């Protein structure tokens, strides 16, 4: 058994097709088939079974795939770590962040960091995700640092608050509430409501606010971010509790303060506890902590 066989096996398992896998791997199909036959002989089991023109994993192939993916992931982490260690002045930083940070905060904080001469050889990879996806990415080493909401029961993740975000109610300009500067949260229950995805940090907070105040509004839509929510509110489909961002400067909506809204929404810098950070990541981590900013 060799490393190439494991990569071949993983690729075929994901694509479920020998020909397509051979094209992706740039290996002839007969060589790929022979390699898998040798692997099956060595293991003493069948890893694949035919399903029309495709193939699918056998029961034992599925079990083997879990260990192969885990092993290859660990190996790739080691390779990336060694590559980074050989260059103290450079390296790549993989970051993921929630939508409110995309228009301004992330571009500015990264650009200011890179404008320092000693950081000019550092590069970044960017990904916008939901908080749950960011946390999962941190744990499997897909991301180095995350900027997201807090998640309960994540003992191996460090969450450091970096931004406090105000929550406001937004309504259409012609809405019955639009002439008010402040309302009671109970008034929300009368109207159709749009919220963030319930699995997102802000979605969970919104549901908690409703539950804590014993209201059960008619939720008509769950949006991924402020763009999706703002569009529906502006066209009078409903009202929404949202994090205050520059995007809310829209002529077709009105922002209203909610009296009982004493909840604070923080955006956190998140990373895995006790994980080794090469020099580039460590420098950026310290830079963020020493340079507070806002949305």
C-alpha atoms as a PDB file:
ATOM      1  CA  UNK A   1       0.000   0.000   0.000  1.00  0.00           C
ATOM      2  CA  UNK A   2       1.337   3.452  -0.900  1.00  0.00           C
ATOM      3  CA  UNK A   3       0.274   7.064  -0.648  1.00  0.00           C
ATOM      4  CA  UNK A   4      -0.789   7.304  -4.287  1.00  0.00           C
ATOM      5  CA  UNK A   5      -3.189   4.410  -3.814  1.00  0.00           C
ATOM      6  CA  UNK A   6      -4.855   6.221  -0.938  1.00  0.00           C
ATOM      7  CA  UNK A   7      -5.280   9.404  -2.988  1.00  0.00           C
ATOM      8  CA  UNK A   8      -6.586   7.334  -5.906  1.00  0.00           C
ATOM      9  CA  UNK A   9      -9.051   5.520  -3.650  1.00  0.00           C
ATOM     10  CA  UNK A  10     -10.354   8.748  -2.104  1.00  0.00           C
ATOM     11  CA  UNK A  11     -10.824  10.369  -5.526  1.00  0.00           C
ATOM     12  CA  UNK A  12     -12.712   7.405  -6.984  1.00  0.00           C
ATOM     13  CA  UNK A  13     -14.875   7.174  -3.855  1.00  0.00           C
ATOM     14  CA  UNK A  14     -15.843  10.858  -4.153  1.00  0.00           C
ATOM     15  CA  UNK A  15     -16.445  10.831  -7.917  1.00  0.00           C
ATOM     16  CA  UNK A  16     -17.927   7.310  -8.089  1.00  0.00           C
ATOM     17  CA  UNK A  17     -16.478   6.840 -11.559  1.00  0.00           C
ATOM     18  CA  UNK A  18     -13.135   5.365 -12.653  1.00  0.00           C
ATOM     19  CA  UNK A  19     -12.883   7.249 -15.959  1.00  0.00           C
ATOM     20  CA  UNK A  20     -13.652  10.650 -14.452  1.00  0.00           C
ATOM     21  CA  UNK A  21     -11.258   9.925 -11.593  1.00  0.00           C
ATOM     22  CA  UNK A  22      -8.495   8.932 -14.017  1.00  0.00           C
ATOM     23  CA  UNK A  23      -8.918  12.227 -15.886  1.00  0.00           C
ATOM     24  CA  UNK A  24      -8.783  14.241 -12.688  1.00  0.00           C
ATOM     25  CA  UNK A  25      -5.734  12.343 -11.421  1.00  0.00           C
ATOM     26  CA  UNK A  26      -4.045  12.379 -14.836  1.00  0.00           C
ATOM     27  CA  UNK A  27      -3.569   8.600 -14.616  1.00  0.00           C
ATOM     28  CA  UNK A  28      -4.635   6.108 -17.263  1.00  0.00           C
ATOM     29  CA  UNK A  29      -7.785   4.202 -16.443  1.00  0.00           C
ATOM     30  CA  UNK A  30      -6.099   0.767 -16.721  1.00  0.00           C
ATOM     31  CA  UNK A  31      -3.359   1.886 -14.308  1.00  0.00           C
ATOM     32  CA  UNK A  32      -5.961   3.243 -11.912  1.00  0.00           C
ATOM     33  CA  UNK A  33      -7.976   0.027 -12.053  1.00  0.00           C
ATOM     34  CA  UNK A  34      -4.847  -2.067 -11.504  1.00  0.00           C
ATOM     35  CA  UNK A  35      -3.827   0.064  -8.535  1.00  0.00           C
ATOM     36  CA  UNK A  36      -7.235  -0.398  -6.907  1.00  0.00           C
ATOM     37  CA  UNK A  37      -7.204  -4.123  -7.623  1.00  0.00           C
ATOM     38  CA  UNK A  38      -3.826  -4.395  -5.868  1.00  0.00           C
ATOM     39  CA  UNK A  39      -5.172  -2.403  -2.916  1.00  0.00           C
ATOM     40  CA  UNK A  40      -8.186  -4.692  -2.642  1.00  0.00           C
ATOM     41  CA  UNK A  41      -5.938  -7.754  -2.797  1.00  0.00           C
ATOM     42  CA  UNK A  42      -3.744  -6.370  -0.029  1.00  0.00           C
ATOM     43  CA  UNK A  43      -6.760  -5.600   2.179  1.00  0.00           C
ATOM     44  CA  UNK A  44      -8.511  -8.832   1.288  1.00  0.00           C
ATOM     45  CA  UNK A  45     -11.833  -7.077   0.608  1.00  0.00           C
ATOM     46  CA  UNK A  46     -13.791  -5.461  -2.204  1.00  0.00           C
ATOM     47  CA  UNK A  47     -13.809  -1.669  -1.915  1.00  0.00           C
ATOM     48  CA  UNK A  48     -16.092  -0.912  -4.877  1.00  0.00           C
ATOM     49  CA  UNK A  49     -19.050  -2.480  -6.621  1.00  0.00           C
ATOM     50  CA  UNK A  50     -20.489  -1.544 -10.002  1.00  0.00           C
ATOM     51  CA  UNK A  51     -23.671   0.498 -10.278  1.00  0.00           C
ATOM     52  CA  UNK A  52     -24.400   0.960 -13.964  1.00  0.00           C
ATOM     53  CA  UNK A  53     -21.527   2.999 -15.411  1.00  0.00           C
ATOM     54  CA  UNK A  54     -20.624   4.219 -11.984  1.00  0.00           C
ATOM     55  CA  UNK A  55     -19.169   2.523  -8.940  1.00  0.00           C
ATOM     56  CA  UNK A  56     -20.130   2.810  -5.295  1.00  0.00           C
ATOM     57  CA  UNK A  57     -18.351   1.918  -2.097  1.00  0.00           C
ATOM     58  CA  UNK A  58     -19.047  -1.361  -0.415  1.00  0.00           C
ATOM     59  CA  UNK A  59     -19.763  -1.478   3.292  1.00  0.00           C
ATOM     60  CA  UNK A  60     -16.049  -2.050   3.904  1.00  0.00           C
ATOM     61  CA  UNK A  61     -15.065   0.645   1.429  1.00  0.00           C
ATOM     62  CA  UNK A  62     -17.094   3.200   3.394  1.00  0.00           C
ATOM     63  CA  UNK A  63     -15.345   2.239   6.616  1.00  0.00           C
ATOM     64  CA  UNK A  64     -11.923   2.383   4.961  1.00  0.00           C
ATOM     65  CA  UNK A  65     -12.689   5.807   3.416  1.00  0.00           C
ATOM     66  CA  UNK A  66     -13.203   7.377   6.859  1.00  0.00           C
ATOM     67  CA  UNK A  67      -9.695   6.385   7.925  1.00  0.00           C
ATOM     68  CA  UNK A  68      -8.120   7.298   4.589  1.00  0.00           C
ATOM     69  CA  UNK A  69      -9.630  10.799   4.647  1.00  0.00           C
ATOM     70  CA  UNK A  70      -8.566  11.303   8.252  1.00  0.00           C
ATOM     71  CA  UNK A  71      -5.014  10.138   7.500  1.00  0.00           C
ATOM     72  CA  UNK A  72      -4.637  12.262   4.370  1.00  0.00           C
ATOM     73  CA  UNK A  73      -6.032  15.316   6.152  1.00  0.00           C
ATOM     74  CA  UNK A  74      -3.500  14.885   8.968  1.00  0.00           C
ATOM     75  CA  UNK A  75      -0.723  14.451   6.426  1.00  0.00           C
ATOM     76  CA  UNK A  76      -1.749  17.610   4.544  1.00  0.00           C
ATOM     77  CA  UNK A  77      -1.761  19.602   7.786  1.00  0.00           C
ATOM     78  CA  UNK A  78       1.777  18.384   8.445  1.00  0.00           C
ATOM     79  CA  UNK A  79       2.953  19.282   4.947  1.00  0.00           C
ATOM     80  CA  UNK A  80       1.464  22.783   5.190  1.00  0.00           C
ATOM     81  CA  UNK A  81       2.992  23.306   8.611  1.00  0.00           C
ATOM     82  CA  UNK A  82       6.471  22.325   7.409  1.00  0.00           C
ATOM     83  CA  UNK A  83       6.203  24.596   4.377  1.00  0.00           C
ATOM     84  CA  UNK A  84       5.229  27.511   6.564  1.00  0.00           C
ATOM     85  CA  UNK A  85       7.974  26.810   9.078  1.00  0.00           C
ATOM     86  CA  UNK A  86      10.629  27.177   6.391  1.00  0.00           C
ATOM     87  CA  UNK A  87       9.655  30.808   5.784  1.00  0.00           C
ATOM     88  CA  UNK A  88       9.468  33.075   8.820  1.00  0.00           C
ATOM     89  CA  UNK A  89       8.734  36.199   6.759  1.00  0.00           C
ATOM     90  CA  UNK A  90       5.959  34.775   4.586  1.00  0.00           C
ATOM     91  CA  UNK A  91       3.265  32.152   4.628  1.00  0.00           C
ATOM     92  CA  UNK A  92      -0.434  31.941   3.896  1.00  0.00           C
ATOM     93  CA  UNK A  93      -3.267  32.590   6.339  1.00  0.00           C
ATOM     94  CA  UNK A  94      -6.675  30.982   5.766  1.00  0.00           C
ATOM     95  CA  UNK A  95      -9.459  33.050   7.309  1.00  0.00           C
ATOM     96  CA  UNK A  96     -13.234  32.680   7.281  1.00  0.00           C
ATOM     97  CA  UNK A  97     -15.764  35.280   8.367  1.00  0.00           C
ATOM     98  CA  UNK A  98     -19.476  35.995   8.602  1.00  0.00           C
ATOM     99  CA  UNK A  99     -21.221  38.256   6.115  1.00  0.00           C
ATOM    100  CA  UNK A 100     -21.350  41.527   8.131  1.00  0.00           C
ATOM    101  CA  UNK A 101     -17.548  41.688   8.029  1.00  0.00           C
ATOM    102  CA  UNK A 102     -17.265  41.230   4.272  1.00  0.00           C
ATOM    103  CA  UNK A 103     -17.971  44.772   3.019  1.00  0.00           C
ATOM    104  CA  UNK A 104     -15.509  46.647   5.211  1.00  0.00           C
ATOM    105  CA  UNK A 105     -13.920  45.113   8.313  1.00  0.00           C
ATOM    106  CA  UNK A 106     -12.018  42.187   6.784  1.00  0.00           C
ATOM    107  CA  UNK A 107     -10.733  44.046   3.697  1.00  0.00           C
ATOM    108  CA  UNK A 108      -9.523  46.966   5.826  1.00  0.00           C
ATOM    109  CA  UNK A 109      -7.916  45.000   8.665  1.00  0.00           C
ATOM    110  CA  UNK A 110      -6.066  42.703   6.250  1.00  0.00           C
ATOM    111  CA  UNK A 111      -4.944  45.557   3.993  1.00  0.00           C
ATOM    112  CA  UNK A 112      -3.655  47.586   6.951  1.00  0.00           C
ATOM    113  CA  UNK A 113      -1.763  44.518   8.186  1.00  0.00           C
ATOM    114  CA  UNK A 114      -0.206  43.867   4.776  1.00  0.00           C
ATOM    115  CA  UNK A 115       0.752  47.512   4.341  1.00  0.00           C
ATOM    116  CA  UNK A 116       3.324  47.050   7.087  1.00  0.00           C
ATOM    117  CA  UNK A 117       6.596  46.328   5.341  1.00  0.00           C
ATOM    118  CA  UNK A 118       7.473  43.274   7.445  1.00  0.00           C
ATOM    119  CA  UNK A 119       4.215  41.582   6.382  1.00  0.00           C
ATOM    120  CA  UNK A 120       4.378  42.185   2.639  1.00  0.00           C
ATOM    121  CA  UNK A 121       5.257  38.553   1.808  1.00  0.00           C
ATOM    122  CA  UNK A 122       2.290  37.105   3.703  1.00  0.00           C
ATOM    123  CA  UNK A 123      -0.759  36.046   1.688  1.00  0.00           C
ATOM    124  CA  UNK A 124      -4.368  35.404   2.663  1.00  0.00           C
ATOM    125  CA  UNK A 125      -7.129  33.057   1.565  1.00  0.00           C
ATOM    126  CA  UNK A 126     -10.644  34.361   2.233  1.00  0.00           C
ATOM    127  CA  UNK A 127     -13.928  32.516   2.734  1.00  0.00           C
ATOM    128  CA  UNK A 128     -17.339  33.821   3.784  1.00  0.00           C
ATOM    129  CA  UNK A 129     -19.319  31.236   5.776  1.00  0.00           C
ATOM    130  CA  UNK A 130     -21.956  30.761   8.446  1.00  0.00           C
ATOM    131  CA  UNK A 131     -20.664  30.506  12.017  1.00  0.00           C
ATOM    132  CA  UNK A 132     -21.286  26.732  12.202  1.00  0.00           C
ATOM    133  CA  UNK A 133     -19.291  26.199   9.004  1.00  0.00           C
ATOM    134  CA  UNK A 134     -16.463  28.390  10.281  1.00  0.00           C
ATOM    135  CA  UNK A 135     -16.188  26.427  13.539  1.00  0.00           C
ATOM    136  CA  UNK A 136     -16.178  23.130  11.667  1.00  0.00           C
ATOM    137  CA  UNK A 137     -13.503  24.506   9.338  1.00  0.00           C
ATOM    138  CA  UNK A 138     -11.342  25.556  12.287  1.00  0.00           C
ATOM    139  CA  UNK A 139     -11.587  22.112  13.852  1.00  0.00           C
ATOM    140  CA  UNK A 140     -10.596  20.263  10.682  1.00  0.00           C
ATOM    141  CA  UNK A 141      -7.793  22.769   9.888  1.00  0.00           C
ATOM    142  CA  UNK A 142      -9.490  24.176   6.805  1.00  0.00           C
ATOM    143  CA  UNK A 143      -9.211  27.643   8.373  1.00  0.00           C
ATOM    144  CA  UNK A 144      -6.581  29.147  10.659  1.00  0.00           C
ATOM    145  CA  UNK A 145      -8.719  31.932  12.104  1.00  0.00           C
ATOM    146  CA  UNK A 146     -12.440  32.615  12.115  1.00  0.00           C
ATOM    147  CA  UNK A 147     -14.498  35.768  12.647  1.00  0.00           C
ATOM    148  CA  UNK A 148     -17.957  34.705  13.748  1.00  0.00           C
ATOM    149  CA  UNK A 149     -20.611  34.450  16.446  1.00  0.00           C
ATOM    150  CA  UNK A 150     -20.109  32.555  19.692  1.00  0.00           C
ATOM    151  CA  UNK A 151     -21.137  28.906  19.796  1.00  0.00           C
ATOM    152  CA  UNK A 152     -21.968  26.970  22.929  1.00  0.00           C
ATOM    153  CA  UNK A 153     -20.252  23.703  23.872  1.00  0.00           C
ATOM    154  CA  UNK A 154     -17.107  24.295  21.823  1.00  0.00           C
ATOM    155  CA  UNK A 155     -14.533  23.731  24.552  1.00  0.00           C
ATOM    156  CA  UNK A 156     -11.607  23.467  22.142  1.00  0.00           C
ATOM    157  CA  UNK A 157     -12.333  26.801  20.461  1.00  0.00           C
ATOM    158  CA  UNK A 158     -11.184  30.121  21.907  1.00  0.00           C
ATOM    159  CA  UNK A 159     -13.621  32.997  21.288  1.00  0.00           C
ATOM    160  CA  UNK A 160     -12.294  36.522  21.801  1.00  0.00           C
ATOM    161  CA  UNK A 161     -14.805  39.376  21.304  1.00  0.00           C
ATOM    162  CA  UNK A 162     -13.548  41.954  18.821  1.00  0.00           C
ATOM    163  CA  UNK A 163     -16.668  43.829  17.675  1.00  0.00           C
ATOM    164  CA  UNK A 164     -19.917  44.749  19.423  1.00  0.00           C
ATOM    165  CA  UNK A 165     -22.835  44.998  17.016  1.00  0.00           C
ATOM    166  CA  UNK A 166     -26.086  46.784  17.846  1.00  0.00           C
ATOM    167  CA  UNK A 167     -29.381  45.076  17.001  1.00  0.00           C
ATOM    168  CA  UNK A 168     -32.149  47.177  15.448  1.00  0.00           C
ATOM    169  CA  UNK A 169     -35.569  46.592  13.970  1.00  0.00           C
ATOM    170  CA  UNK A 170     -35.925  47.450  10.288  1.00  0.00           C
ATOM    171  CA  UNK A 171     -39.278  48.119   8.630  1.00  0.00           C
ATOM    172  CA  UNK A 172     -40.380  49.419   5.214  1.00  0.00           C
ATOM    173  CA  UNK A 173     -40.753  53.183   4.844  1.00  0.00           C
ATOM    174  CA  UNK A 174     -44.545  52.900   4.516  1.00  0.00           C
ATOM    175  CA  UNK A 175     -44.980  50.466   7.429  1.00  0.00           C
ATOM    176  CA  UNK A 176     -47.337  51.302  10.362  1.00  0.00           C
ATOM    177  CA  UNK A 177     -44.288  51.359  12.666  1.00  0.00           C
ATOM    178  CA  UNK A 178     -42.146  53.560  10.437  1.00  0.00           C
ATOM    179  CA  UNK A 179     -43.085  56.814  12.173  1.00  0.00           C
ATOM    180  CA  UNK A 180     -41.837  55.557  15.550  1.00  0.00           C
ATOM    181  CA  UNK A 181     -38.321  56.009  16.904  1.00  0.00           C
ATOM    182  CA  UNK A 182     -38.723  53.322  19.562  1.00  0.00           C
ATOM    183  CA  UNK A 183     -41.127  50.442  20.140  1.00  0.00           C
ATOM    184  CA  UNK A 184     -41.774  47.620  22.586  1.00  0.00           C
ATOM    185  CA  UNK A 185     -40.693  44.200  21.412  1.00  0.00           C
ATOM    186  CA  UNK A 186     -44.275  42.958  21.905  1.00  0.00           C
ATOM    187  CA  UNK A 187     -45.321  45.065  18.907  1.00  0.00           C
ATOM    188  CA  UNK A 188     -43.227  42.865  16.617  1.00  0.00           C
ATOM    189  CA  UNK A 189     -45.584  39.934  17.113  1.00  0.00           C
ATOM    190  CA  UNK A 190     -48.339  41.585  15.068  1.00  0.00           C
ATOM    191  CA  UNK A 191     -46.363  41.489  11.821  1.00  0.00           C
ATOM    192  CA  UNK A 192     -44.693  39.058   9.459  1.00  0.00           C
ATOM    193  CA  UNK A 193     -41.064  38.652  10.455  1.00  0.00           C
ATOM    194  CA  UNK A 194     -37.917  37.793   8.508  1.00  0.00           C
ATOM    195  CA  UNK A 195     -34.970  36.321  10.411  1.00  0.00           C
ATOM    196  CA  UNK A 196     -31.477  35.015   9.783  1.00  0.00           C
ATOM    197  CA  UNK A 197     -31.010  31.289   9.196  1.00  0.00           C
ATOM    198  CA  UNK A 198     -31.842  29.636  12.513  1.00  0.00           C
ATOM    199  CA  UNK A 199     -28.544  27.727  12.535  1.00  0.00           C
ATOM    200  CA  UNK A 200     -26.573  30.982  12.256  1.00  0.00           C
ATOM    201  CA  UNK A 201     -25.359  32.916  15.291  1.00  0.00           C
ATOM    202  CA  UNK A 202     -27.730  35.829  14.734  1.00  0.00           C
ATOM    203  CA  UNK A 203     -30.584  33.462  13.898  1.00  0.00           C
ATOM    204  CA  UNK A 204     -30.149  31.696  17.238  1.00  0.00           C
ATOM    205  CA  UNK A 205     -29.951  35.036  19.066  1.00  0.00           C
ATOM    206  CA  UNK A 206     -33.132  36.278  17.374  1.00  0.00           C
ATOM    207  CA  UNK A 207     -35.021  33.131  18.385  1.00  0.00           C
ATOM    208  CA  UNK A 208     -33.728  33.503  21.953  1.00  0.00           C
ATOM    209  CA  UNK A 209     -34.976  37.098  22.078  1.00  0.00           C
ATOM    210  CA  UNK A 210     -38.442  36.002  20.936  1.00  0.00           C
ATOM    211  CA  UNK A 211     -38.538  33.119  23.436  1.00  0.00           C
ATOM    212  CA  UNK A 212     -37.285  35.241  26.343  1.00  0.00           C
ATOM    213  CA  UNK A 213     -39.990  37.810  25.684  1.00  0.00           C
ATOM    214  CA  UNK A 214     -42.769  35.232  25.159  1.00  0.00           C
ATOM    215  CA  UNK A 215     -43.624  36.287  21.635  1.00  0.00           C
ATOM    216  CA  UNK A 216     -44.279  34.032  18.661  1.00  0.00           C
ATOM    217  CA  UNK A 217     -44.228  36.110  15.468  1.00  0.00           C
ATOM    218  CA  UNK A 218     -45.104  34.702  12.076  1.00  0.00           C
ATOM    219  CA  UNK A 219     -41.696  33.965  10.529  1.00  0.00           C
ATOM    220  CA  UNK A 220     -42.082  33.964   6.756  1.00  0.00           C
ATOM    221  CA  UNK A 221     -38.460  33.664   5.649  1.00  0.00           C
ATOM    222  CA  UNK A 222     -34.964  32.845   6.877  1.00  0.00           C
ATOM    223  CA  UNK A 223     -32.201  34.810   5.140  1.00  0.00           C
ATOM    224  CA  UNK A 224     -28.500  34.041   4.941  1.00  0.00           C
ATOM    225  CA  UNK A 225     -27.394  37.639   5.439  1.00  0.00           C
ATOM    226  CA  UNK A 226     -28.417  41.287   5.589  1.00  0.00           C
ATOM    227  CA  UNK A 227     -28.621  41.562   1.793  1.00  0.00           C
ATOM    228  CA  UNK A 228     -31.310  38.891   1.590  1.00  0.00           C
ATOM    229  CA  UNK A 229     -33.260  40.252   4.563  1.00  0.00           C
ATOM    230  CA  UNK A 230     -32.987  43.914   3.558  1.00  0.00           C
ATOM    231  CA  UNK A 231     -34.411  43.290   0.090  1.00  0.00           C
ATOM    232  CA  UNK A 232     -37.545  41.610   1.409  1.00  0.00           C
ATOM    233  CA  UNK A 233     -38.093  44.219   4.116  1.00  0.00           C
ATOM    234  CA  UNK A 234     -37.701  47.078   1.627  1.00  0.00           C
ATOM    235  CA  UNK A 235     -40.429  45.521  -0.554  1.00  0.00           C
ATOM    236  CA  UNK A 236     -42.826  45.242   2.415  1.00  0.00           C
ATOM    237  CA  UNK A 237     -42.779  41.450   2.886  1.00  0.00           C
ATOM    238  CA  UNK A 238     -42.054  41.742   6.601  1.00  0.00           C
ATOM    239  CA  UNK A 239     -39.935  43.327   9.332  1.00  0.00           C
ATOM    240  CA  UNK A 240     -36.679  42.084  10.850  1.00  0.00           C
ATOM    241  CA  UNK A 241     -34.258  42.303  13.755  1.00  0.00           C
ATOM    242  CA  UNK A 242     -30.810  42.693  12.259  1.00  0.00           C
ATOM    243  CA  UNK A 243     -27.265  43.596  13.192  1.00  0.00           C
ATOM    244  CA  UNK A 244     -26.576  47.236  12.437  1.00  0.00           C
ATOM    245  CA  UNK A 245     -24.221  47.590   9.470  1.00  0.00           C
ATOM    246  CA  UNK A 246     -23.537  50.242   6.794  1.00  0.00           C
ATOM    247  CA  UNK A 247     -25.818  48.226   4.473  1.00  0.00           C
ATOM    248  CA  UNK A 248     -28.827  49.521   6.392  1.00  0.00           C
ATOM    249  CA  UNK A 249     -28.394  52.987   4.884  1.00  0.00           C
ATOM    250  CA  UNK A 250     -31.203  52.209   2.481  1.00  0.00           C
ATOM    251  CA  UNK A 251     -33.807  54.791   1.520  1.00  0.00           C
ATOM    252  CA  UNK A 252     -36.585  52.227   1.501  1.00  0.00           C
ATOM    253  CA  UNK A 253     -36.288  51.078   5.113  1.00  0.00           C
ATOM    254  CA  UNK A 254     -36.475  52.651   8.563  1.00  0.00           C
ATOM    255  CA  UNK A 255     -34.373  51.646  11.581  1.00  0.00           C
ATOM    256  CA  UNK A 256     -36.197  51.548  14.917  1.00  0.00           C
ATOM    257  CA  UNK A 257     -34.860  51.016  18.415  1.00  0.00           C
ATOM    258  CA  UNK A 258     -36.492  48.243  20.469  1.00  0.00           C
ATOM    259  CA  UNK A 259     -36.868  49.134  24.167  1.00  0.00           C
ATOM    260  CA  UNK A 260     -36.297  45.723  25.744  1.00  0.00           C
ATOM    261  CA  UNK A 261     -33.447  44.799  23.440  1.00  0.00           C
ATOM    262  CA  UNK A 262     -30.685  44.650  26.054  1.00  0.00           C
ATOM    263  CA  UNK A 263     -28.922  41.804  24.263  1.00  0.00           C
ATOM    264  CA  UNK A 264     -25.419  42.396  22.999  1.00  0.00           C
ATOM    265  CA  UNK A 265     -24.307  40.748  19.808  1.00  0.00           C
ATOM    266  CA  UNK A 266     -20.563  40.283  19.568  1.00  0.00           C
ATOM    267  CA  UNK A 267     -18.473  39.127  16.682  1.00  0.00           C
ATOM    268  CA  UNK A 268     -15.567  37.008  17.875  1.00  0.00           C
ATOM    269  CA  UNK A 269     -12.111  36.096  16.738  1.00  0.00           C
ATOM    270  CA  UNK A 270     -12.130  32.290  16.958  1.00  0.00           C
ATOM    271  CA  UNK A 271      -9.305  29.760  16.812  1.00  0.00           C
ATOM    272  CA  UNK A 272      -8.466  26.297  18.084  1.00  0.00           C
ATOM    273  CA  UNK A 273      -7.068  26.093  21.606  1.00  0.00           C
ATOM    274  CA  UNK A 274      -3.407  25.020  21.870  1.00  0.00           C
ATOM    275  CA  UNK A 275      -3.019  24.741  18.086  1.00  0.00           C
ATOM    276  CA  UNK A 276       0.420  25.577  16.769  1.00  0.00           C
ATOM    277  CA  UNK A 277       0.507  28.861  14.826  1.00  0.00           C
ATOM    278  CA  UNK A 278       3.414  29.621  12.487  1.00  0.00           C
ATOM    279  CA  UNK A 279       4.903  33.137  12.584  1.00  0.00           C
ATOM    280  CA  UNK A 280       2.597  34.650   9.944  1.00  0.00           C
ATOM    281  CA  UNK A 281      -0.605  33.603  11.706  1.00  0.00           C
ATOM    282  CA  UNK A 282       0.746  34.569  15.110  1.00  0.00           C
ATOM    283  CA  UNK A 283       1.625  38.050  13.835  1.00  0.00           C
ATOM    284  CA  UNK A 284      -1.835  38.578  12.361  1.00  0.00           C
ATOM    285  CA  UNK A 285      -3.499  37.269  15.512  1.00  0.00           C
ATOM    286  CA  UNK A 286      -1.609  39.755  17.660  1.00  0.00           C
ATOM    287  CA  UNK A 287      -2.299  42.545  15.179  1.00  0.00           C
ATOM    288  CA  UNK A 288      -6.056  42.025  15.424  1.00  0.00           C
ATOM    289  CA  UNK A 289      -5.960  42.053  19.211  1.00  0.00           C
ATOM    290  CA  UNK A 290      -3.951  45.281  19.293  1.00  0.00           C
ATOM    291  CA  UNK A 291      -5.977  47.108  16.653  1.00  0.00           C
ATOM    292  CA  UNK A 292      -9.668  47.191  17.573  1.00  0.00           C
ATOM    293  CA  UNK A 293     -11.984  48.316  14.816  1.00  0.00           C
ATOM    294  CA  UNK A 294     -15.668  48.571  14.018  1.00  0.00           C
ATOM    295  CA  UNK A 295     -18.079  47.678  11.251  1.00  0.00           C
END
